[in-house]
Amino acid sequence: MFGRRMLAAMAVALSSVLISTAAVGVPSEEDIDEVERQAEETRASVSDVEVELARKSIEYDEVVQRAQIAAETYNSAQEDLAEAEEAVEEAQEELTEATKELDEARSFVADIAMSAYRNGGSFSQLSMFLEADGITEVLDAADGYSMLGSRADEAQQVLDAATRGADVAKQRADEALEERQEASEAVEAAYADTTLQVEAAEQSMAEIEAEREELLGQLASLRDTTVEMERERQDHLDEQRRQREEQAAEEEEQRREEQERSQSREESRESSPSPSPSGSSSSSSSPSPSPSRTSSPSPSPTRTSSPSPSPSRTSSPSPSPSRTSSPSPSPSPTSSSKPKPKPSTPPPSSSSAGQKALAWARTQLGKPYVWGAAGPSAYDCSGLTMAAFKQAGVSLPRNSAAQYGVGTKVPVSELKAGDLIFYSNNGAQSGIYHVAFYAGNNMRVHAPSPGKSVEEVPMYRVNLMPYGVRL
């Protein structure tokens, strides 16, 4: 249709030239060349605009990815802070317990002092315990007294152990507080950075959209169409581009899986024991230490003679086992008994937790994406998956990279509805920036990016991790 419109426009241009020159005669070669030049300029302009539109689409996708990465960086910092808070709580509990044990140890020492005083010790002896700075000073001062005995040794051991325990607990508590402070500062820095990144991304997306509209207007003018028609056509071109990317990603995925299968087969062959001798034809070999059939040393008879002692019909020298037996202690494996590759543990069938989480996530369709949000009115990608699995009774970490580290890994070719799929900018867990539910039939449910809402759309394979997670 657009080609016909272009031809029509060229015809109009040519007609205008013909009309303008009708009064003076037949159009000259220069007139025709001018029409062709204008048509070529129009085609070049259209091509330039289309290239720019394609570039804007790619730029838009890159901006969205930067926003997703920034949001997940903030979520990761939040996760670190939560862990630091737990560590502080545990350290404080340990310090409280250690302090209690230290108080009990000091009380034990005081009890010994009071007992010694009641049994004839002097007030100076009591003062020695009450005024001393530590058990070492007490014991040094008590060298001249025999009243302490074995109970003093026990008190020293208990107090020393309690003191060391309290010191260690205090150090751990102080370190935990420092780590929490660092984590808190990291969260603040991540929040500020993410705010800037997302705001910049949103501004860039708005600018790209405005530039795209302007370019579509130029196309409509050049082709004598409407902006709506050009937008529809450009959306179709973008979809074709994504399909090409999808096809390339899928082919790469298939190539990788085949490479893994080939490597597994090779490792299996290398790990298989060498058959000795071949079990496929027992008559082709004789058990050691028997000589080969082509050379039969005395006293073994040749195949054409059978002197005493009578050999078996197989002509194997005595006391060699018969042809049908394999050398002891390792029997020769037959072709049907070759060790098979150890199968990898198959992933569990799609769990009810995953199905429940997916069903709940679908109830959140249409709610807006907000970075750092985990419901109930808005979500980011990992916030949605975490909240959904919480409804199914499963606890997940707060960020997508950490969520990849739980559950059972499932090849993308074996995904089932309710599994989680992940996207990475470096093909590894460290580069994961987005998570979504696999919804079956090559569909996904996810909280996409700023400016959009929770949606169920076709699965996008570009940057897709080769394994999903089943919970």
Protein backbone atom coordinates (compact mmCIF):
# COMPACT_ATOMS: atom_id res chain seq x y z
CA MET A 1 0.00 0.00 0.00
CA PHE A 2 2.82 2.38 0.91
CA GLY A 3 4.56 1.58 -2.35
CA ARG A 4 1.41 2.43 -4.29
CA ARG A 5 1.15 5.71 -2.38
CA MET A 6 4.75 6.51 -3.20
CA LEU A 7 4.12 5.83 -6.89
CA ALA A 8 1.00 7.96 -6.73
CA ALA A 9 2.97 10.81 -5.19
CA MET A 10 5.58 10.52 -7.92
CA ALA A 11 2.83 10.51 -10.53
CA VAL A 12 1.34 13.64 -9.03
CA ALA A 13 4.72 15.31 -9.05
CA LEU A 14 5.28 14.33 -12.65
CA SER A 15 1.79 15.52 -13.60
CA SER A 16 2.43 18.89 -12.03
CA VAL A 17 5.58 19.24 -14.07
CA LEU A 18 3.74 18.20 -17.23
CA ILE A 19 0.94 20.64 -16.56
CA SER A 20 3.37 23.46 -15.84
CA THR A 21 5.13 22.77 -19.10
CA ALA A 22 2.07 22.02 -21.21
CA ALA A 23 1.86 25.57 -22.36
CA VAL A 24 5.38 25.51 -23.63
CA GLY A 25 5.50 22.01 -25.07
CA VAL A 26 6.76 18.54 -24.21
CA PRO A 27 8.62 18.18 -20.84
CA SER A 28 12.31 18.43 -21.24
CA GLU A 29 14.85 15.91 -20.02
CA GLU A 30 15.71 18.38 -17.27
CA ASP A 31 12.08 18.39 -16.09
CA ILE A 32 11.96 14.60 -15.90
CA ASP A 33 15.32 14.49 -14.14
CA GLU A 34 14.03 16.97 -11.57
CA VAL A 35 10.99 14.80 -10.83
CA GLU A 36 13.18 11.75 -10.42
CA ARG A 37 15.56 13.67 -8.18
CA GLN A 38 12.70 14.77 -5.92
CA ALA A 39 11.41 11.19 -5.74
CA GLU A 40 14.87 9.91 -4.83
CA GLU A 41 15.22 12.53 -2.12
CA THR A 42 11.87 11.46 -0.72
CA ARG A 43 12.92 7.82 -0.68
CA ALA A 44 16.20 8.74 1.03
CA SER A 45 14.37 10.83 3.61
CA VAL A 46 11.97 7.99 4.31
CA SER A 47 14.89 5.58 4.75
CA ASP A 48 16.70 7.97 7.10
CA VAL A 49 13.58 8.42 9.24
CA GLU A 50 12.98 4.66 9.42
CA VAL A 51 16.58 4.06 10.49
CA GLU A 52 16.23 6.72 13.17
CA LEU A 53 12.97 5.18 14.40
CA ALA A 54 14.64 1.78 14.68
CA ARG A 55 17.50 3.35 16.61
CA LYS A 56 15.04 5.03 18.96
CA SER A 57 13.32 1.72 19.63
CA ILE A 58 16.61 0.08 20.56
CA GLU A 59 17.57 3.07 22.69
CA TYR A 60 14.24 2.83 24.48
CA ASP A 61 14.85 -0.83 25.33
CA GLU A 62 18.30 0.02 26.69
CA VAL A 63 16.88 2.79 28.88
CA VAL A 64 14.26 0.41 30.28
CA GLN A 65 17.00 -2.10 31.13
CA ARG A 66 19.03 0.56 32.94
CA ALA A 67 15.99 1.44 35.04
CA GLN A 68 15.41 -2.23 35.89
CA ILE A 69 19.06 -2.70 36.87
CA ALA A 70 18.94 0.37 39.12
CA ALA A 71 15.76 -0.85 40.82
CA GLU A 72 17.21 -4.30 41.49
CA THR A 73 20.43 -2.72 42.83
CA TYR A 74 18.32 -0.89 45.38
CA ASN A 75 16.43 -4.10 46.24
CA SER A 76 19.75 -5.88 46.75
CA ALA A 77 20.88 -3.15 49.14
CA GLN A 78 17.61 -3.54 51.03
CA GLU A 79 18.24 -7.27 51.27
CA ASP A 80 21.73 -6.65 52.65
CA LEU A 81 20.32 -4.27 55.24
CA ALA A 82 17.72 -6.81 56.34
CA GLU A 83 20.46 -9.41 56.79
CA ALA A 84 22.55 -6.91 58.74
CA GLU A 85 19.56 -6.19 61.01
CA GLU A 86 19.18 -9.91 61.70
CA ALA A 87 22.91 -10.20 62.44
CA VAL A 88 22.68 -7.31 64.94
CA GLU A 89 19.73 -8.95 66.66
CA GLU A 90 21.55 -12.28 66.94
CA ALA A 91 24.74 -10.62 68.18
CA GLN A 92 22.85 -8.65 70.79
CA GLU A 93 21.18 -11.85 72.01
CA GLU A 94 24.58 -13.53 72.28
CA LEU A 95 25.99 -10.53 74.14
CA THR A 96 23.07 -10.57 76.58
CA GLU A 97 23.62 -14.27 77.26
CA ALA A 98 27.38 -13.80 77.63
CA THR A 99 26.87 -10.90 80.04
CA LYS A 100 24.52 -13.05 82.08
CA GLU A 101 27.12 -15.80 82.30
CA LEU A 102 29.77 -13.27 83.31
CA ASP A 103 27.56 -11.95 86.13
CA GLU A 104 27.00 -15.51 87.31
CA ALA A 105 30.75 -16.15 87.30
CA ARG A 106 31.37 -13.02 89.36
CA SER A 107 28.67 -14.10 91.77
CA PHE A 108 30.44 -17.45 92.09
CA VAL A 109 33.66 -15.69 93.11
CA ALA A 110 31.79 -13.57 95.62
CA ASP A 111 30.22 -16.66 97.13
CA ILE A 112 33.69 -18.16 97.67
CA ALA A 113 34.81 -14.96 99.41
CA MET A 114 31.83 -14.90 101.71
CA SER A 115 32.28 -18.57 102.55
CA ALA A 116 35.93 -18.01 103.40
CA TYR A 117 35.05 -15.11 105.66
CA ARG A 118 32.43 -17.10 107.54
CA ASN A 119 34.94 -19.92 108.06
CA GLY A 120 37.46 -17.70 109.86
CA GLY A 121 38.84 -15.45 107.19
CA SER A 122 39.64 -11.87 108.07
CA PHE A 123 37.94 -8.79 106.77
CA SER A 124 41.07 -8.10 104.75
CA GLN A 125 40.55 -11.40 103.02
CA LEU A 126 36.99 -10.36 102.12
CA SER A 127 38.25 -6.99 100.91
CA MET A 128 40.71 -8.80 98.70
CA PHE A 129 37.76 -10.24 96.73
CA LEU A 130 35.48 -7.25 96.83
CA GLU A 131 38.07 -4.63 95.85
CA ALA A 132 40.13 -6.59 93.34
CA ASP A 133 39.99 -5.58 89.67
CA GLY A 134 39.97 -9.17 88.45
CA ILE A 135 40.39 -12.78 89.30
CA THR A 136 44.11 -12.67 88.52
CA GLU A 137 44.68 -9.97 91.12
CA VAL A 138 42.56 -11.93 93.57
CA LEU A 139 44.60 -15.08 93.11
CA ASP A 140 47.91 -13.20 93.31
CA ALA A 141 46.88 -11.62 96.59
CA ALA A 142 45.61 -14.93 97.91
CA ASP A 143 48.91 -16.78 97.53
CA GLY A 144 49.45 -16.41 101.24
CA TYR A 145 46.06 -17.82 102.07
CA SER A 146 45.08 -21.47 101.91
CA MET A 147 41.38 -20.82 102.11
CA LEU A 148 40.69 -20.72 98.36
CA GLY A 149 41.80 -24.21 97.38
CA SER A 150 40.15 -26.00 94.49
CA ARG A 151 37.06 -23.78 94.52
CA ALA A 152 39.25 -20.80 93.68
CA ASP A 153 40.67 -22.65 90.69
CA GLU A 154 37.18 -23.47 89.53
CA ALA A 155 36.09 -19.88 89.99
CA GLN A 156 39.07 -18.68 87.98
CA GLN A 157 38.24 -20.99 85.09
CA VAL A 158 34.58 -20.05 85.08
CA LEU A 159 35.26 -16.33 85.28
CA ASP A 160 37.98 -16.43 82.65
CA ALA A 161 35.74 -18.34 80.25
CA ALA A 162 32.83 -16.01 80.88
CA THR A 163 35.05 -12.97 80.39
CA ARG A 164 36.38 -14.27 77.09
CA GLY A 165 32.87 -15.14 75.94
CA ALA A 166 31.61 -11.68 76.84
CA ASP A 167 34.54 -10.02 75.03
CA VAL A 168 33.91 -12.07 71.86
CA ALA A 169 30.18 -11.37 72.00
CA LYS A 170 30.84 -7.67 72.50
CA GLN A 171 33.20 -7.60 69.53
CA ARG A 172 30.66 -9.41 67.34
CA ALA A 173 27.92 -7.04 68.42
CA ASP A 174 30.09 -4.03 67.63
CA GLU A 175 31.00 -5.47 64.22
CA ALA A 176 27.35 -6.23 63.50
CA LEU A 177 26.39 -2.66 64.36
CA GLU A 178 29.11 -1.32 62.06
CA GLU A 179 27.94 -3.59 59.23
CA ARG A 180 24.37 -2.47 59.77
CA GLN A 181 25.46 1.14 59.59
CA GLU A 182 27.35 0.45 56.36
CA ALA A 183 24.34 -1.39 54.94
CA SER A 184 22.06 1.47 55.93
CA GLU A 185 24.34 3.97 54.20
CA ALA A 186 24.45 1.71 51.15
CA VAL A 187 20.65 1.67 51.04
CA GLU A 188 20.54 5.44 51.21
CA ALA A 189 23.11 5.71 48.43
CA ALA A 190 21.27 3.10 46.33
CA TYR A 191 17.99 4.92 46.88
CA ALA A 192 19.47 8.21 45.73
CA ASP A 193 21.18 6.60 42.74
CA THR A 194 18.10 4.62 41.77
CA THR A 195 15.94 7.71 42.04
CA LEU A 196 18.26 9.56 39.67
CA GLN A 197 18.54 6.58 37.31
CA VAL A 198 14.80 5.98 37.11
CA GLU A 199 14.00 9.68 36.73
CA ALA A 200 16.60 9.94 33.97
CA ALA A 201 15.19 6.80 32.35
CA GLU A 202 11.65 8.11 32.50
CA GLN A 203 12.77 11.44 31.03
CA SER A 204 14.70 9.64 28.29
CA MET A 205 11.70 7.45 27.51
CA ALA A 206 9.45 10.50 27.27
CA GLU A 207 11.94 12.25 24.97
CA ILE A 208 12.28 9.16 22.80
CA GLU A 209 8.51 8.88 22.52
CA ALA A 210 8.23 12.55 21.53
CA GLU A 211 10.99 12.18 18.94
CA ARG A 212 9.34 9.04 17.66
CA GLU A 213 6.05 10.87 17.17
CA GLU A 214 7.82 13.63 15.31
CA LEU A 215 9.53 11.13 13.04
CA LEU A 216 6.24 9.36 12.40
CA GLY A 217 4.77 12.72 11.39
CA GLN A 218 7.59 13.21 8.93
CA LEU A 219 6.98 9.78 7.44
CA ALA A 220 3.28 10.49 7.11
CA SER A 221 4.05 13.70 5.26
CA LEU A 222 6.62 12.09 2.97
CA ARG A 223 4.35 9.17 2.14
CA ASP A 224 1.11 11.14 2.12
CA THR A 225 -0.38 8.90 4.83
CA THR A 226 -1.49 9.45 8.44
CA VAL A 227 0.50 9.32 11.67
CA GLU A 228 -1.72 6.47 12.90
CA MET A 229 -0.91 4.40 9.83
CA GLU A 230 2.79 5.09 10.18
CA ARG A 231 2.71 4.23 13.91
CA GLU A 232 1.01 0.94 13.14
CA ARG A 233 3.57 0.18 10.48
CA GLN A 234 6.47 1.08 12.77
CA ASP A 235 5.07 -1.07 15.57
CA HIS A 236 4.95 -3.91 13.08
CA LEU A 237 8.59 -3.31 12.12
CA ASP A 238 9.58 -3.24 15.80
CA GLU A 239 7.78 -6.52 16.32
CA GLN A 240 9.60 -8.05 13.36
CA ARG A 241 12.91 -6.87 14.83
CA ARG A 242 12.08 -8.46 18.16
CA GLN A 243 11.05 -11.67 16.43
CA ARG A 244 14.40 -11.80 14.69
CA GLU A 245 16.13 -11.26 18.02
CA GLU A 246 13.91 -13.94 19.57
CA GLN A 247 14.77 -16.37 16.80
CA ALA A 248 18.47 -15.71 17.22
CA ALA A 249 18.21 -16.15 21.00
CA GLU A 250 16.24 -19.38 20.61
CA GLU A 251 18.77 -20.78 18.14
CA GLU A 252 21.58 -19.89 20.54
CA GLU A 253 19.69 -21.62 23.34
CA GLN A 254 19.26 -24.76 21.24
CA ARG A 255 22.94 -24.69 20.27
CA ARG A 256 23.95 -24.41 23.92
CA GLU A 257 21.68 -27.27 24.97
CA GLU A 258 23.03 -29.50 22.22
CA GLN A 259 26.57 -28.60 23.23
CA GLU A 260 25.78 -29.54 26.84
CA ARG A 261 24.28 -32.86 25.74
CA SER A 262 27.32 -33.58 23.57
CA GLN A 263 29.66 -32.73 26.42
CA SER A 264 27.68 -34.96 28.76
CA ARG A 265 27.94 -37.88 26.32
CA GLU A 266 31.68 -37.30 25.94
CA GLU A 267 32.20 -37.21 29.71
CA SER A 268 30.17 -40.40 30.00
CA ARG A 269 32.35 -42.17 27.47
CA GLU A 270 35.51 -41.00 29.21
CA SER A 271 34.24 -42.19 32.58
CA SER A 272 33.17 -45.60 31.24
CA PRO A 273 35.60 -48.47 32.19
CA SER A 274 37.55 -49.94 29.31
CA PRO A 275 36.16 -53.39 28.46
CA SER A 276 38.77 -56.10 29.09
CA PRO A 277 38.31 -58.17 27.09
CA SER A 278 35.54 -57.27 24.72
CA GLY A 279 32.28 -58.84 25.81
CA SER A 280 30.67 -58.76 22.39
CA SER A 281 32.48 -61.90 21.23
CA SER A 282 34.00 -64.07 23.93
CA SER A 283 35.51 -66.39 21.37
CA SER A 284 37.76 -63.66 20.04
CA SER A 285 39.84 -63.48 23.21
CA SER A 286 41.25 -65.79 25.82
CA PRO A 287 41.50 -64.93 29.51
CA SER A 288 44.89 -63.96 30.84
CA PRO A 289 47.27 -65.55 31.48
CA SER A 290 46.29 -67.82 28.57
CA PRO A 291 48.19 -67.14 25.34
CA SER A 292 46.41 -66.10 22.22
CA ARG A 293 44.83 -68.66 19.96
CA THR A 294 47.48 -68.12 17.32
CA SER A 295 50.25 -69.27 19.64
CA SER A 296 49.60 -72.20 21.97
CA PRO A 297 52.71 -73.08 23.98
CA SER A 298 53.28 -76.53 25.40
CA PRO A 299 51.70 -78.27 27.17
CA SER A 300 48.63 -76.78 25.55
CA PRO A 301 47.70 -78.76 22.45
CA THR A 302 47.06 -77.18 19.13
CA ARG A 303 43.55 -77.12 17.76
CA THR A 304 44.33 -80.07 15.46
CA SER A 305 45.49 -82.40 18.20
CA SER A 306 44.22 -83.30 21.61
CA PRO A 307 46.81 -85.27 23.62
CA SER A 308 46.53 -85.82 27.34
CA PRO A 309 45.82 -84.04 29.51
CA SER A 310 42.53 -83.67 27.73
CA PRO A 311 41.81 -80.04 27.02
CA SER A 312 38.34 -78.64 26.71
CA ARG A 313 36.72 -78.50 23.31
CA THR A 314 37.53 -74.84 23.11
CA SER A 315 41.24 -75.69 23.00
CA SER A 316 41.91 -73.32 25.88
CA PRO A 317 44.86 -74.56 27.95
CA SER A 318 44.16 -76.05 31.34
CA PRO A 319 43.58 -74.72 33.97
CA SER A 320 42.12 -71.83 31.98
CA PRO A 321 38.35 -71.31 32.34
CA SER A 322 36.04 -72.29 29.52
CA ARG A 323 35.27 -70.00 26.61
CA THR A 324 31.97 -68.97 28.13
CA SER A 325 33.48 -67.55 31.30
CA SER A 326 35.22 -64.22 31.76
CA PRO A 327 38.43 -63.73 33.71
CA SER A 328 38.02 -63.36 37.44
CA PRO A 329 37.45 -61.12 39.31
CA SER A 330 36.21 -58.61 36.73
CA PRO A 331 33.76 -60.05 34.21
CA SER A 332 33.82 -58.63 30.73
CA PRO A 333 30.86 -56.31 30.18
CA THR A 334 28.61 -57.18 27.28
CA SER A 335 27.42 -54.59 24.85
CA SER A 336 24.13 -54.42 26.71
CA SER A 337 25.78 -53.85 30.09
CA LYS A 338 27.94 -50.85 29.29
CA PRO A 339 27.58 -48.24 32.01
CA LYS A 340 25.17 -45.52 31.04
CA PRO A 341 25.75 -41.85 31.77
CA LYS A 342 24.60 -40.94 35.24
CA PRO A 343 21.36 -39.12 34.66
CA SER A 344 21.07 -35.69 36.15
CA THR A 345 18.42 -35.33 38.78
CA PRO A 346 15.28 -34.42 36.91
CA PRO A 347 13.53 -31.28 38.09
CA PRO A 348 10.39 -31.82 40.12
CA SER A 349 7.09 -31.48 38.36
CA SER A 350 5.58 -28.03 38.42
CA SER A 351 4.90 -27.37 42.06
CA SER A 352 1.56 -26.42 43.50
CA ALA A 353 3.31 -23.45 45.12
CA GLY A 354 4.35 -22.14 41.70
CA GLN A 355 0.86 -22.60 40.29
CA LYS A 356 -0.71 -20.87 43.30
CA ALA A 357 1.80 -18.01 43.07
CA LEU A 358 1.11 -17.55 39.35
CA ALA A 359 -2.66 -17.59 39.92
CA TRP A 360 -2.29 -14.91 42.59
CA ALA A 361 0.04 -12.82 40.39
CA ARG A 362 -2.63 -12.80 37.71
CA THR A 363 -5.00 -11.14 40.19
CA GLN A 364 -2.55 -8.21 40.27
CA LEU A 365 -2.66 -7.55 36.52
CA GLY A 366 -3.02 -3.86 35.76
CA LYS A 367 -1.35 -2.61 38.95
CA PRO A 368 1.46 -0.14 38.23
CA TYR A 369 5.18 -0.82 38.27
CA VAL A 370 6.92 1.19 41.00
CA TRP A 371 10.55 0.44 41.76
CA GLY A 372 11.12 -0.82 45.30
CA ALA A 373 7.44 -1.71 45.71
CA ALA A 374 6.21 -5.13 46.83
CA GLY A 375 2.48 -4.47 47.05
CA PRO A 376 -0.27 -4.26 47.70
CA SER A 377 -1.01 -1.42 45.27
CA ALA A 378 2.18 -1.46 43.16
CA TYR A 379 5.12 -3.74 42.40
CA ASP A 380 8.51 -4.02 40.82
CA CYS A 381 9.52 -7.32 39.19
CA SER A 382 10.98 -9.11 42.22
CA GLY A 383 8.44 -7.51 44.52
CA LEU A 384 5.65 -9.19 42.53
CA THR A 385 7.25 -12.63 42.58
CA MET A 386 8.10 -12.36 46.28
CA ALA A 387 4.57 -11.29 47.20
CA ALA A 388 3.02 -13.99 45.01
CA PHE A 389 5.03 -16.81 46.53
CA LYS A 390 4.37 -15.45 50.01
CA GLN A 391 0.69 -16.06 49.28
CA ALA A 392 1.67 -19.65 48.38
CA GLY A 393 3.57 -20.13 51.63
CA VAL A 394 7.09 -19.75 50.19
CA SER A 395 9.56 -17.10 51.33
CA LEU A 396 11.75 -15.51 48.65
CA PRO A 397 14.60 -12.98 48.84
CA ARG A 398 13.83 -9.41 47.84
CA ASN A 399 15.88 -9.10 44.64
CA SER A 400 15.82 -11.07 41.39
CA ALA A 401 19.47 -12.21 41.47
CA ALA A 402 19.00 -13.72 44.92
CA GLN A 403 15.74 -15.37 43.83
CA TYR A 404 17.69 -17.17 41.11
CA GLY A 405 19.71 -18.84 43.87
CA VAL A 406 16.77 -20.74 45.40
CA GLY A 407 14.68 -23.68 44.24
CA THR A 408 15.58 -26.13 41.47
CA LYS A 409 17.11 -25.08 38.17
CA VAL A 410 15.02 -26.04 35.13
CA PRO A 411 16.16 -25.75 31.48
CA VAL A 412 14.13 -23.21 29.55
CA SER A 413 12.96 -26.00 27.23
CA GLU A 414 11.35 -27.73 30.23
CA LEU A 415 9.60 -24.76 31.83
CA LYS A 416 6.12 -25.20 33.25
CA ALA A 417 3.57 -22.65 34.36
CA GLY A 418 4.56 -21.19 37.73
CA ASP A 419 8.32 -21.41 37.17
CA LEU A 420 10.39 -18.24 37.40
CA ILE A 421 12.42 -16.94 34.45
CA PHE A 422 15.30 -14.50 34.68
CA TYR A 423 17.07 -11.96 32.46
CA SER A 424 20.76 -11.11 32.71
CA ASN A 425 22.98 -8.65 30.87
CA ASN A 426 26.04 -10.90 31.19
CA GLY A 427 24.59 -14.40 31.08
CA ALA A 428 25.35 -15.00 34.77
CA GLN A 429 23.57 -14.61 38.09
CA SER A 430 25.60 -11.48 38.84
CA GLY A 431 24.01 -9.72 35.86
CA ILE A 432 20.37 -10.62 36.55
CA TYR A 433 18.16 -7.55 36.45
CA HIS A 434 14.63 -8.91 35.86
CA VAL A 435 12.42 -11.82 36.92
CA ALA A 436 9.03 -12.96 35.65
CA PHE A 437 6.59 -15.84 35.93
CA TYR A 438 6.48 -18.32 33.10
CA ALA A 439 2.75 -18.56 32.41
CA GLY A 440 2.75 -21.42 29.88
CA ASN A 441 2.38 -21.31 26.10
CA ASN A 442 5.42 -18.99 25.81
CA MET A 443 3.70 -16.32 27.90
CA ARG A 444 4.96 -14.51 30.97
CA VAL A 445 3.43 -12.50 33.83
CA HIS A 446 5.61 -9.74 35.24
CA ALA A 447 5.93 -6.20 36.50
CA PRO A 448 7.85 -4.77 33.51
CA SER A 449 9.32 -1.30 33.96
CA PRO A 450 8.57 2.31 34.94
CA GLY A 451 5.47 3.66 33.26
CA LYS A 452 3.92 0.24 32.73
CA SER A 453 1.73 -2.13 34.72
CA VAL A 454 1.71 -5.81 35.68
CA GLU A 455 0.94 -7.66 32.47
CA GLU A 456 0.69 -11.05 30.79
CA VAL A 457 2.52 -10.94 27.46
CA PRO A 458 4.56 -13.19 25.17
CA MET A 459 7.86 -14.35 26.66
CA TYR A 460 10.89 -12.37 25.50
CA ARG A 461 14.03 -14.51 25.06
CA VAL A 462 16.70 -11.87 24.55
CA ASN A 463 19.01 -11.91 27.62
CA LEU A 464 16.98 -14.83 29.02
CA MET A 465 18.96 -17.04 31.40
CA PRO A 466 19.23 -20.64 30.14
CA TYR A 467 17.64 -21.97 33.33
CA GLY A 468 14.52 -21.02 35.22
CA VAL A 469 13.71 -21.80 38.85
CA ARG A 470 11.04 -24.18 40.14
CA LEU A 471 9.89 -23.81 43.74
